[in-house]
Amino acid sequence: MPIYEYQCDNCQHQFEVMQKINDAKLQDCPECQQASLRRLVSMAGFQLKGTGWYATDFKNNHKGSNTTSAKTDEKSTSACAHNQCQCG
């Protein structure tokens, strides 16, 4: 829900109210009880809740499998690599 800021034209009292967008604008000042409130244009205050609003929600924590694991297969290793051959 948005937070709206109001100011009384009679007593200059300012305050904020959390209201639904479809709610009617306030008219009576809570300080002087006069019907002289106006809604101010200010930076909107809002809070994001739920999933999908944080950078961590969409990050892929699994690094891609671009790097292949370096497993050695004993069958493919030559005997020369282990100094077990008779070649020289």
C-alpha atoms as a PDB file:
ATOM      1  CA  MET A   1       0.000   0.000   0.000  1.00  0.00           C
ATOM      2  CA  PRO A   2       1.271   3.477  -0.790  1.00  0.00           C
ATOM      3  CA  ILE A   3       2.060   5.994   1.911  1.00  0.00           C
ATOM      4  CA  TYR A   4       0.474   9.380   1.235  1.00  0.00           C
ATOM      5  CA  GLU A   5       1.552  12.663   2.787  1.00  0.00           C
ATOM      6  CA  TYR A   6      -1.064  15.259   3.751  1.00  0.00           C
ATOM      7  CA  GLN A   7      -0.864  18.886   4.879  1.00  0.00           C
ATOM      8  CA  CYS A   8      -3.534  21.056   6.425  1.00  0.00           C
ATOM      9  CA  ASP A   9      -3.917  24.476   4.787  1.00  0.00           C
ATOM     10  CA  ASN A  10      -5.387  25.849   8.025  1.00  0.00           C
ATOM     11  CA  CYS A  11      -2.805  24.836  10.656  1.00  0.00           C
ATOM     12  CA  GLN A  12       0.047  23.541   8.429  1.00  0.00           C
ATOM     13  CA  HIS A  13       0.038  20.146  10.186  1.00  0.00           C
ATOM     14  CA  GLN A  14       1.756  17.465   8.065  1.00  0.00           C
ATOM     15  CA  PHE A  15       1.379  13.709   8.437  1.00  0.00           C
ATOM     16  CA  GLU A  16       1.587  10.454   6.503  1.00  0.00           C
ATOM     17  CA  VAL A  17      -1.130   7.856   6.030  1.00  0.00           C
ATOM     18  CA  MET A  18      -0.955   4.381   4.518  1.00  0.00           C
ATOM     19  CA  GLN A  19      -3.944   4.078   2.188  1.00  0.00           C
ATOM     20  CA  LYS A  20      -5.084   1.935  -0.686  1.00  0.00           C
ATOM     21  CA  ILE A  21      -4.959   3.609  -4.075  1.00  0.00           C
ATOM     22  CA  ASN A  22      -8.747   3.418  -4.354  1.00  0.00           C
ATOM     23  CA  ASP A  23      -9.380   4.960  -0.916  1.00  0.00           C
ATOM     24  CA  ALA A  24     -10.912   8.440  -0.847  1.00  0.00           C
ATOM     25  CA  LYS A  25      -8.622  11.346  -0.010  1.00  0.00           C
ATOM     26  CA  LEU A  26      -8.731  12.514   3.596  1.00  0.00           C
ATOM     27  CA  GLN A  27     -10.413  15.875   4.150  1.00  0.00           C
ATOM     28  CA  ASP A  28     -10.483  16.609   7.901  1.00  0.00           C
ATOM     29  CA  CYS A  29      -7.300  17.553   9.722  1.00  0.00           C
ATOM     30  CA  PRO A  30      -6.708  15.453  12.865  1.00  0.00           C
ATOM     31  CA  GLU A  31      -5.229  18.515  14.668  1.00  0.00           C
ATOM     32  CA  CYS A  32      -7.638  21.393  13.978  1.00  0.00           C
ATOM     33  CA  GLN A  33     -10.635  19.342  12.739  1.00  0.00           C
ATOM     34  CA  GLN A  34     -11.043  21.613   9.682  1.00  0.00           C
ATOM     35  CA  ALA A  35     -11.791  20.231   6.217  1.00  0.00           C
ATOM     36  CA  SER A  36      -8.674  21.771   4.717  1.00  0.00           C
ATOM     37  CA  LEU A  37      -6.354  18.829   3.984  1.00  0.00           C
ATOM     38  CA  ARG A  38      -4.576  18.417   0.708  1.00  0.00           C
ATOM     39  CA  ARG A  39      -2.496  15.512  -0.477  1.00  0.00           C
ATOM     40  CA  LEU A  40       1.097  16.483  -1.140  1.00  0.00           C
ATOM     41  CA  VAL A  41       3.129  15.301  -4.081  1.00  0.00           C
ATOM     42  CA  SER A  42       6.181  13.638  -2.608  1.00  0.00           C
ATOM     43  CA  MET A  43       8.421  10.687  -3.208  1.00  0.00           C
ATOM     44  CA  ALA A  44       6.412   7.519  -2.986  1.00  0.00           C
ATOM     45  CA  GLY A  45       7.123   5.318  -0.016  1.00  0.00           C
ATOM     46  CA  PHE A  46       6.515   1.628  -0.530  1.00  0.00           C
ATOM     47  CA  GLN A  47       7.843  -1.724   0.550  1.00  0.00           C
ATOM     48  CA  LEU A  48       8.452  -4.708  -1.703  1.00  0.00           C
ATOM     49  CA  LYS A  49       7.462  -8.024  -0.162  1.00  0.00           C
ATOM     50  CA  GLY A  50       7.436 -11.567  -1.435  1.00  0.00           C
ATOM     51  CA  THR A  51       9.688 -13.434  -3.799  1.00  0.00           C
ATOM     52  CA  GLY A  52      11.140 -11.966  -6.945  1.00  0.00           C
ATOM     53  CA  TRP A  53      12.163  -8.614  -5.497  1.00  0.00           C
ATOM     54  CA  TYR A  54      15.701  -9.386  -4.436  1.00  0.00           C
ATOM     55  CA  ALA A  55      18.838  -9.834  -6.511  1.00  0.00           C
ATOM     56  CA  THR A  56      19.381 -13.266  -4.986  1.00  0.00           C
ATOM     57  CA  ASP A  57      16.032 -14.560  -6.263  1.00  0.00           C
ATOM     58  CA  PHE A  58      17.144 -14.613  -9.879  1.00  0.00           C
ATOM     59  CA  LYS A  59      20.821 -15.339  -9.573  1.00  0.00           C
ATOM     60  CA  ASN A  60      21.989 -18.715 -10.755  1.00  0.00           C
ATOM     61  CA  ASN A  61      24.096 -20.026  -7.911  1.00  0.00           C
ATOM     62  CA  HIS A  62      25.193 -23.004  -9.974  1.00  0.00           C
ATOM     63  CA  LYS A  63      28.122 -22.043 -12.093  1.00  0.00           C
ATOM     64  CA  GLY A  64      27.647 -23.372 -15.605  1.00  0.00           C
ATOM     65  CA  SER A  65      29.293 -26.611 -16.541  1.00  0.00           C
ATOM     66  CA  ASN A  66      31.681 -24.813 -18.893  1.00  0.00           C
ATOM     67  CA  THR A  67      34.627 -26.350 -17.091  1.00  0.00           C
ATOM     68  CA  THR A  68      34.931 -30.068 -17.477  1.00  0.00           C
ATOM     69  CA  SER A  69      36.250 -32.110 -14.644  1.00  0.00           C
ATOM     70  CA  ALA A  70      39.738 -33.460 -15.132  1.00  0.00           C
ATOM     71  CA  LYS A  71      39.210 -37.128 -14.479  1.00  0.00           C
ATOM     72  CA  THR A  72      41.949 -39.410 -15.595  1.00  0.00           C
ATOM     73  CA  ASP A  73      41.102 -42.701 -17.101  1.00  0.00           C
ATOM     74  CA  GLU A  74      43.728 -45.324 -16.352  1.00  0.00           C
ATOM     75  CA  LYS A  75      42.990 -47.178 -19.592  1.00  0.00           C
ATOM     76  CA  SER A  76      43.818 -44.098 -21.678  1.00  0.00           C
ATOM     77  CA  THR A  77      47.056 -43.308 -19.832  1.00  0.00           C
ATOM     78  CA  SER A  78      50.107 -44.642 -21.587  1.00  0.00           C
ATOM     79  CA  ALA A  79      52.625 -46.855 -19.874  1.00  0.00           C
ATOM     80  CA  CYS A  80      55.359 -44.326 -20.730  1.00  0.00           C
ATOM     81  CA  ALA A  81      53.757 -41.748 -18.462  1.00  0.00           C
ATOM     82  CA  HIS A  82      54.314 -44.038 -15.523  1.00  0.00           C
ATOM     83  CA  ASN A  83      57.874 -45.104 -16.560  1.00  0.00           C
ATOM     84  CA  GLN A  84      56.681 -48.679 -17.035  1.00  0.00           C
ATOM     85  CA  CYS A  85      57.306 -49.101 -20.731  1.00  0.00           C
ATOM     86  CA  GLN A  86      60.156 -50.908 -22.466  1.00  0.00           C
ATOM     87  CA  CYS A  87      60.549 -48.298 -25.240  1.00  0.00           C
ATOM     88  CA  GLY A  88      63.492 -46.507 -24.135  1.00  0.00           C
END
